[in-house]
Amino acid sequence: GYIEGKKSIKVTPLGMKVIETLEKYVPEIIS
């Protein structure tokens, strides 16, 4: 449920929040 759209991929609010939170507190997880 992090992305949607089969032709043009849009990040969902959940996907945005997960990355925003990890960037803020533990950015190495998504390095």
PDB file of all heavy atoms in Angstrom:
ATOM      1  N   GLY A   1       0.807  -1.222   0.000  1.00  0.00           N
ATOM      2  CA  GLY A   1       0.000   0.000   0.000  1.00  0.00           C
ATOM      3  C   GLY A   1       0.836   1.267   0.000  1.00  0.00           C
ATOM      4  O   GLY A   1       0.334   2.356   0.298  1.00  0.00           O
ATOM      5  N   TYR A   2       2.118   1.142  -0.376  1.00  0.00           N
ATOM      6  CA  TYR A   2       3.005   2.309  -0.398  1.00  0.00           C
ATOM      7  C   TYR A   2       2.910   3.076  -1.718  1.00  0.00           C
ATOM      8  O   TYR A   2       3.223   4.264  -1.760  1.00  0.00           O
ATOM      9  CB  TYR A   2       4.454   1.887  -0.169  1.00  0.00           C
ATOM     10  CG  TYR A   2       4.738   1.325   1.210  1.00  0.00           C
ATOM     11  CD1 TYR A   2       5.792   0.446   1.427  1.00  0.00           C
ATOM     12  CD2 TYR A   2       3.952   1.661   2.309  1.00  0.00           C
ATOM     13  CE1 TYR A   2       6.052  -0.078   2.691  1.00  0.00           C
ATOM     14  CE2 TYR A   2       4.199   1.148   3.567  1.00  0.00           C
ATOM     15  CZ  TYR A   2       5.257   0.273   3.750  1.00  0.00           C
ATOM     16  OH  TYR A   2       5.513  -0.236   4.996  1.00  0.00           O
ATOM     17  N   ILE A   3       2.533   2.385  -2.793  1.00  0.00           N
ATOM     18  CA  ILE A   3       2.397   3.040  -4.096  1.00  0.00           C
ATOM     19  C   ILE A   3       1.111   2.567  -4.759  1.00  0.00           C
ATOM     20  O   ILE A   3       0.557   1.525  -4.406  1.00  0.00           O
ATOM     21  CB  ILE A   3       3.608   2.765  -5.023  1.00  0.00           C
ATOM     22  CG1 ILE A   3       3.779   1.247  -5.270  1.00  0.00           C
ATOM     23  CG2 ILE A   3       4.890   3.364  -4.453  1.00  0.00           C
ATOM     24  CD1 ILE A   3       4.858   0.905  -6.285  1.00  0.00           C
ATOM     25  N   GLU A   4       0.660   3.331  -5.751  1.00  0.00           N
ATOM     26  CA  GLU A   4      -0.536   2.968  -6.510  1.00  0.00           C
ATOM     27  C   GLU A   4      -0.390   3.490  -7.925  1.00  0.00           C
ATOM     28  O   GLU A   4       0.451   4.349  -8.205  1.00  0.00           O
ATOM     29  CB  GLU A   4      -1.791   3.550  -5.848  1.00  0.00           C
ATOM     30  CG  GLU A   4      -1.785   5.064  -5.748  1.00  0.00           C
ATOM     31  CD  GLU A   4      -2.935   5.620  -4.914  1.00  0.00           C
ATOM     32  OE1 GLU A   4      -3.622   4.838  -4.229  1.00  0.00           O
ATOM     33  OE2 GLU A   4      -3.138   6.849  -4.949  1.00  0.00           O
ATOM     34  N   GLY A   5      -1.229   2.978  -8.821  1.00  0.00           N
ATOM     35  CA  GLY A   5      -1.182   3.403 -10.218  1.00  0.00           C
ATOM     36  C   GLY A   5      -0.318   2.469 -11.033  1.00  0.00           C
ATOM     37  O   GLY A   5       0.879   2.372 -10.806  1.00  0.00           O
ATOM     38  N   LYS A   6      -0.919   1.772 -11.993  1.00  0.00           N
ATOM     39  CA  LYS A   6      -0.196   0.761 -12.754  1.00  0.00           C
ATOM     40  C   LYS A   6       0.643   1.350 -13.891  1.00  0.00           C
ATOM     41  O   LYS A   6       1.602   0.733 -14.335  1.00  0.00           O
ATOM     42  CB  LYS A   6      -1.177  -0.266 -13.329  1.00  0.00           C
ATOM     43  CG  LYS A   6      -1.837  -1.131 -12.253  1.00  0.00           C
ATOM     44  CD  LYS A   6      -0.808  -1.935 -11.461  1.00  0.00           C
ATOM     45  CE  LYS A   6      -1.461  -2.810 -10.405  1.00  0.00           C
ATOM     46  NZ  LYS A   6      -0.475  -3.532  -9.584  1.00  0.00           N
ATOM     47  N   LYS A   7       0.275   2.537 -14.367  1.00  0.00           N
ATOM     48  CA  LYS A   7       1.045   3.141 -15.466  1.00  0.00           C
ATOM     49  C   LYS A   7       1.878   4.315 -14.994  1.00  0.00           C
ATOM     50  O   LYS A   7       3.014   4.498 -15.411  1.00  0.00           O
ATOM     51  CB  LYS A   7       0.100   3.577 -16.591  1.00  0.00           C
ATOM     52  CG  LYS A   7      -0.536   2.406 -17.331  1.00  0.00           C
ATOM     53  CD  LYS A   7      -1.319   2.877 -18.541  1.00  0.00           C
ATOM     54  CE  LYS A   7      -1.867   1.670 -19.316  1.00  0.00           C
ATOM     55  NZ  LYS A   7      -2.641   2.092 -20.514  1.00  0.00           N
ATOM     56  N   SER A   8       1.293   5.115 -14.152  1.00  0.00           N
ATOM     57  CA  SER A   8       1.987   6.281 -13.596  1.00  0.00           C
ATOM     58  C   SER A   8       1.996   6.109 -12.080  1.00  0.00           C
ATOM     59  O   SER A   8       0.955   6.204 -11.438  1.00  0.00           O
ATOM     60  CB  SER A   8       1.246   7.558 -14.001  1.00  0.00           C
ATOM     61  OG  SER A   8       1.860   8.689 -13.439  1.00  0.00           O
ATOM     62  N   ILE A   9       3.157   5.815 -11.508  1.00  0.00           N
ATOM     63  CA  ILE A   9       3.228   5.401 -10.104  1.00  0.00           C
ATOM     64  C   ILE A   9       3.173   6.604  -9.172  1.00  0.00           C
ATOM     65  O   ILE A   9       3.995   7.515  -9.248  1.00  0.00           O
ATOM     66  CB  ILE A   9       4.509   4.588  -9.842  1.00  0.00           C
ATOM     67  CG1 ILE A   9       4.456   3.282 -10.640  1.00  0.00           C
ATOM     68  CG2 ILE A   9       4.672   4.292  -8.355  1.00  0.00           C
ATOM     69  CD1 ILE A   9       5.724   2.466 -10.574  1.00  0.00           C
ATOM     70  N   LYS A  10       2.188   6.573  -8.288  1.00  0.00           N
ATOM     71  CA  LYS A  10       2.028   7.617  -7.289  1.00  0.00           C
ATOM     72  C   LYS A  10       2.267   7.021  -5.902  1.00  0.00           C
ATOM     73  O   LYS A  10       1.769   5.940  -5.598  1.00  0.00           O
ATOM     74  CB  LYS A  10       0.612   8.212  -7.359  1.00  0.00           C
ATOM     75  CG  LYS A  10       0.374   9.352  -6.376  1.00  0.00           C
ATOM     76  CD  LYS A  10      -1.045   9.893  -6.503  1.00  0.00           C
ATOM     77  CE  LYS A  10      -1.279  11.035  -5.520  1.00  0.00           C
ATOM     78  NZ  LYS A  10      -2.651  11.551  -5.591  1.00  0.00           N
ATOM     79  N   VAL A  11       3.019   7.714  -5.086  1.00  0.00           N
ATOM     80  CA  VAL A  11       3.261   7.251  -3.720  1.00  0.00           C
ATOM     81  C   VAL A  11       2.054   7.632  -2.860  1.00  0.00           C
ATOM     82  O   VAL A  11       1.589   8.769  -2.900  1.00  0.00           O
ATOM     83  CB  VAL A  11       4.552   7.861  -3.140  1.00  0.00           C
ATOM     84  CG1 VAL A  11       4.811   7.329  -1.729  1.00  0.00           C
ATOM     85  CG2 VAL A  11       5.741   7.541  -4.038  1.00  0.00           C
ATOM     86  N   THR A  12       1.556   6.688  -2.090  1.00  0.00           N
ATOM     87  CA  THR A  12       0.393   6.936  -1.233  1.00  0.00           C
ATOM     88  C   THR A  12       0.809   7.753  -0.003  1.00  0.00           C
ATOM     89  O   THR A  12       2.004   7.837   0.314  1.00  0.00           O
ATOM     90  CB  THR A  12      -0.220   5.610  -0.755  1.00  0.00           C
ATOM     91  OG1 THR A  12       0.756   4.936   0.051  1.00  0.00           O
ATOM     92  CG2 THR A  12      -0.626   4.726  -1.928  1.00  0.00           C
ATOM     93  N   PRO A  13      -0.165   8.343   0.713  1.00  0.00           N
ATOM     94  CA  PRO A  13       0.186   9.045   1.961  1.00  0.00           C
ATOM     95  C   PRO A  13       0.955   8.157   2.942  1.00  0.00           C
ATOM     96  O   PRO A  13       1.853   8.620   3.631  1.00  0.00           O
ATOM     97  CB  PRO A  13      -1.177   9.455   2.524  1.00  0.00           C
ATOM     98  CG  PRO A  13      -2.049   9.598   1.307  1.00  0.00           C
ATOM     99  CD  PRO A  13      -1.584   8.526   0.362  1.00  0.00           C
ATOM    100  N   LEU A  14       0.602   6.857   2.981  1.00  0.00           N
ATOM    101  CA  LEU A  14       1.321   5.936   3.868  1.00  0.00           C
ATOM    102  C   LEU A  14       2.782   5.813   3.438  1.00  0.00           C
ATOM    103  O   LEU A  14       3.692   5.886   4.270  1.00  0.00           O
ATOM    104  CB  LEU A  14       0.650   4.560   3.854  1.00  0.00           C
ATOM    105  CG  LEU A  14       1.362   3.456   4.650  1.00  0.00           C
ATOM    106  CD1 LEU A  14       1.492   3.833   6.116  1.00  0.00           C
ATOM    107  CD2 LEU A  14       0.625   2.123   4.499  1.00  0.00           C
ATOM    108  N   GLY A  15       3.013   5.630   2.137  1.00  0.00           N
ATOM    109  CA  GLY A  15       4.386   5.530   1.640  1.00  0.00           C
ATOM    110  C   GLY A  15       5.177   6.793   1.912  1.00  0.00           C
ATOM    111  O   GLY A  15       6.357   6.738   2.297  1.00  0.00           O
ATOM    112  N   MET A  16       4.542   7.944   1.719  1.00  0.00           N
ATOM    113  CA  MET A  16       5.201   9.224   1.989  1.00  0.00           C
ATOM    114  C   MET A  16       5.587   9.326   3.466  1.00  0.00           C
ATOM    115  O   MET A  16       6.690   9.757   3.812  1.00  0.00           O
ATOM    116  CB  MET A  16       4.284  10.389   1.612  1.00  0.00           C
ATOM    117  CG  MET A  16       3.938  10.492   0.134  1.00  0.00           C
ATOM    118  SD  MET A  16       5.334  10.941  -0.926  1.00  0.00           S
ATOM    119  CE  MET A  16       5.555  12.660  -0.503  1.00  0.00           C
ATOM    120  N   LYS A  17       4.654   8.918   4.348  1.00  0.00           N
ATOM    121  CA  LYS A  17       4.886   9.057   5.786  1.00  0.00           C
ATOM    122  C   LYS A  17       6.000   8.134   6.268  1.00  0.00           C
ATOM    123  O   LYS A  17       6.809   8.516   7.127  1.00  0.00           O
ATOM    124  CB  LYS A  17       3.590   8.755   6.549  1.00  0.00           C
ATOM    125  CG  LYS A  17       3.633   9.169   8.014  1.00  0.00           C
ATOM    126  CD  LYS A  17       3.798  10.681   8.133  1.00  0.00           C
ATOM    127  CE  LYS A  17       3.740  11.182   9.534  1.00  0.00           C
ATOM    128  NZ  LYS A  17       3.934  12.626   9.626  1.00  0.00           N
ATOM    129  N   VAL A  18       6.035   6.928   5.735  1.00  0.00           N
ATOM    130  CA  VAL A  18       7.084   5.984   6.134  1.00  0.00           C
ATOM    131  C   VAL A  18       8.461   6.558   5.811  1.00  0.00           C
ATOM    132  O   VAL A  18       9.361   6.572   6.656  1.00  0.00           O
ATOM    133  CB  VAL A  18       6.879   4.614   5.448  1.00  0.00           C
ATOM    134  CG1 VAL A  18       8.120   3.735   5.605  1.00  0.00           C
ATOM    135  CG2 VAL A  18       5.667   3.897   6.034  1.00  0.00           C
ATOM    136  N   ILE A  19       8.628   7.054   4.584  1.00  0.00           N
ATOM    137  CA  ILE A  19       9.937   7.603   4.189  1.00  0.00           C
ATOM    138  C   ILE A  19      10.243   8.882   4.962  1.00  0.00           C
ATOM    139  O   ILE A  19      11.367   9.080   5.438  1.00  0.00           O
ATOM    140  CB  ILE A  19       9.977   7.855   2.668  1.00  0.00           C
ATOM    141  CG1 ILE A  19       9.911   6.529   1.915  1.00  0.00           C
ATOM    142  CG2 ILE A  19      11.226   8.637   2.274  1.00  0.00           C
ATOM    143  CD1 ILE A  19      11.044   5.567   2.212  1.00  0.00           C
ATOM    144  N   GLU A  20       9.254   9.746   5.110  1.00  0.00           N
ATOM    145  CA  GLU A  20       9.444  10.999   5.854  1.00  0.00           C
ATOM    146  C   GLU A  20       9.914  10.712   7.288  1.00  0.00           C
ATOM    147  O   GLU A  20      10.840  11.358   7.803  1.00  0.00           O
ATOM    148  CB  GLU A  20       8.118  11.761   5.876  1.00  0.00           C
ATOM    149  CG  GLU A  20       8.134  13.056   6.658  1.00  0.00           C
ATOM    150  CD  GLU A  20       6.728  13.640   6.808  1.00  0.00           C
ATOM    151  OE1 GLU A  20       6.010  13.722   5.786  1.00  0.00           O
ATOM    152  OE2 GLU A  20       6.352  13.982   7.937  1.00  0.00           O
ATOM    153  N   THR A  21       9.308   9.718   7.924  1.00  0.00           N
ATOM    154  CA  THR A  21       9.660   9.382   9.309  1.00  0.00           C
ATOM    155  C   THR A  21      11.054   8.774   9.397  1.00  0.00           C
ATOM    156  O   THR A  21      11.845   9.134  10.279  1.00  0.00           O
ATOM    157  CB  THR A  21       8.614   8.409   9.893  1.00  0.00           C
ATOM    158  OG1 THR A  21       7.309   8.989   9.750  1.00  0.00           O
ATOM    159  CG2 THR A  21       8.883   8.118  11.347  1.00  0.00           C
ATOM    160  N   LEU A  22      11.351   7.831   8.493  1.00  0.00           N
ATOM    161  CA  LEU A  22      12.666   7.193   8.525  1.00  0.00           C
ATOM    162  C   LEU A  22      13.776   8.187   8.191  1.00  0.00           C
ATOM    163  O   LEU A  22      14.857   8.137   8.786  1.00  0.00           O
ATOM    164  CB  LEU A  22      12.687   5.999   7.567  1.00  0.00           C
ATOM    165  CG  LEU A  22      11.747   4.837   7.932  1.00  0.00           C
ATOM    166  CD1 LEU A  22      11.826   3.737   6.898  1.00  0.00           C
ATOM    167  CD2 LEU A  22      12.059   4.292   9.317  1.00  0.00           C
ATOM    168  N   GLU A  23      13.526   9.092   7.257  1.00  0.00           N
ATOM    169  CA  GLU A  23      14.513  10.142   6.926  1.00  0.00           C
ATOM    170  C   GLU A  23      14.819  10.991   8.157  1.00  0.00           C
ATOM    171  O   GLU A  23      15.958  11.378   8.393  1.00  0.00           O
ATOM    172  CB  GLU A  23      13.969  11.047   5.815  1.00  0.00           C
ATOM    173  CG  GLU A  23      14.159  10.513   4.420  1.00  0.00           C
ATOM    174  CD  GLU A  23      13.549  11.435   3.384  1.00  0.00           C
ATOM    175  OE1 GLU A  23      12.604  12.179   3.711  1.00  0.00           O
ATOM    176  OE2 GLU A  23      14.004  11.410   2.230  1.00  0.00           O
ATOM    177  N   LYS A  24      13.785  11.265   8.925  1.00  0.00           N
ATOM    178  CA  LYS A  24      13.917  12.165  10.072  1.00  0.00           C
ATOM    179  C   LYS A  24      14.686  11.516  11.226  1.00  0.00           C
ATOM    180  O   LYS A  24      15.521  12.168  11.868  1.00  0.00           O
ATOM    181  CB  LYS A  24      12.518  12.567  10.537  1.00  0.00           C
ATOM    182  CG  LYS A  24      12.491  13.573  11.683  1.00  0.00           C
ATOM    183  CD  LYS A  24      11.041  13.966  11.977  1.00  0.00           C
ATOM    184  CE  LYS A  24      10.935  14.933  13.146  1.00  0.00           C
ATOM    185  NZ  LYS A  24       9.507  15.272  13.424  1.00  0.00           N
ATOM    186  N   TYR A  25      14.431  10.233  11.475  1.00  0.00           N
ATOM    187  CA  TYR A  25      14.981   9.599  12.675  1.00  0.00           C
ATOM    188  C   TYR A  25      16.114   8.605  12.396  1.00  0.00           C
ATOM    189  O   TYR A  25      17.072   8.535  13.164  1.00  0.00           O
ATOM    190  CB  TYR A  25      13.863   8.896  13.448  1.00  0.00           C
ATOM    191  CG  TYR A  25      12.822   9.847  13.976  1.00  0.00           C
ATOM    192  CD1 TYR A  25      11.561   9.938  13.398  1.00  0.00           C
ATOM    193  CD2 TYR A  25      13.102  10.680  15.057  1.00  0.00           C
ATOM    194  CE1 TYR A  25      10.598  10.818  13.872  1.00  0.00           C
ATOM    195  CE2 TYR A  25      12.153  11.569  15.547  1.00  0.00           C
ATOM    196  CZ  TYR A  25      10.903  11.634  14.951  1.00  0.00           C
ATOM    197  OH  TYR A  25       9.964  12.510  15.425  1.00  0.00           O
ATOM    198  N   VAL A  26      15.996   7.781  11.339  1.00  0.00           N
ATOM    199  CA  VAL A  26      17.025   6.765  11.051  1.00  0.00           C
ATOM    200  C   VAL A  26      17.244   6.681   9.537  1.00  0.00           C
ATOM    201  O   VAL A  26      16.862   5.708   8.887  1.00  0.00           O
ATOM    202  CB  VAL A  26      16.630   5.379  11.609  1.00  0.00           C
ATOM    203  CG1 VAL A  26      17.050   5.195  13.044  1.00  0.00           C
ATOM    204  CG2 VAL A  26      15.137   5.124  11.459  1.00  0.00           C
ATOM    205  N   PRO A  27      17.858   7.716   8.947  1.00  0.00           N
ATOM    206  CA  PRO A  27      17.969   7.777   7.486  1.00  0.00           C
ATOM    207  C   PRO A  27      18.776   6.644   6.856  1.00  0.00           C
ATOM    208  O   PRO A  27      18.610   6.336   5.673  1.00  0.00           O
ATOM    209  CB  PRO A  27      18.648   9.135   7.243  1.00  0.00           C
ATOM    210  CG  PRO A  27      19.293   9.490   8.546  1.00  0.00           C
ATOM    211  CD  PRO A  27      18.430   8.898   9.605  1.00  0.00           C
ATOM    212  N   GLU A  28      19.631   5.997   7.650  1.00  0.00           N
ATOM    213  CA  GLU A  28      20.460   4.940   7.064  1.00  0.00           C
ATOM    214  C   GLU A  28      19.627   3.742   6.606  1.00  0.00           C
ATOM    215  O   GLU A  28      20.039   2.990   5.730  1.00  0.00           O
ATOM    216  CB  GLU A  28      21.525   4.481   8.069  1.00  0.00           C
ATOM    217  CG  GLU A  28      22.787   4.019   7.368  1.00  0.00           C
ATOM    218  CD  GLU A  28      23.917   3.706   8.329  1.00  0.00           C
ATOM    219  OE1 GLU A  28      23.731   3.820   9.556  1.00  0.00           O
ATOM    220  OE2 GLU A  28      24.985   3.334   7.842  1.00  0.00           O
ATOM    221  N   ILE A  29      18.435   3.586   7.173  1.00  0.00           N
ATOM    222  CA  ILE A  29      17.552   2.481   6.779  1.00  0.00           C
ATOM    223  C   ILE A  29      17.222   2.551   5.288  1.00  0.00           C
ATOM    224  O   ILE A  29      17.085   1.527   4.622  1.00  0.00           O
ATOM    225  CB  ILE A  29      16.248   2.503   7.610  1.00  0.00           C
ATOM    226  CG1 ILE A  29      16.533   2.036   9.040  1.00  0.00           C
ATOM    227  CG2 ILE A  29      15.174   1.607   6.988  1.00  0.00           C
ATOM    228  CD1 ILE A  29      15.315   2.056   9.943  1.00  0.00           C
ATOM    229  N   ILE A  30      17.104   3.766   4.771  1.00  0.00           N
ATOM    230  CA  ILE A  30      16.690   3.929   3.368  1.00  0.00           C
ATOM    231  C   ILE A  30      17.832   4.472   2.509  1.00  0.00           C
ATOM    232  O   ILE A  30      17.602   5.070   1.462  1.00  0.00           O
ATOM    233  CB  ILE A  30      15.449   4.849   3.275  1.00  0.00           C
ATOM    234  CG1 ILE A  30      15.675   6.141   4.066  1.00  0.00           C
ATOM    235  CG2 ILE A  30      14.207   4.117   3.760  1.00  0.00           C
ATOM    236  CD1 ILE A  30      14.578   7.157   3.907  1.00  0.00           C
ATOM    237  N   SER A  31      19.060   4.227   2.953  1.00  0.00           N
ATOM    238  CA  SER A  31      20.234   4.732   2.233  1.00  0.00           C
ATOM    239  C   SER A  31      20.477   3.940   0.953  1.00  0.00           C
ATOM    240  O   SER A  31      20.713   2.728   0.992  1.00  0.00           O
ATOM    241  CB  SER A  31      21.468   4.661   3.134  1.00  0.00           C
ATOM    242  OG  SER A  31      22.639   4.823   2.378  1.00  0.00           O
TER     243      SER A  31
END
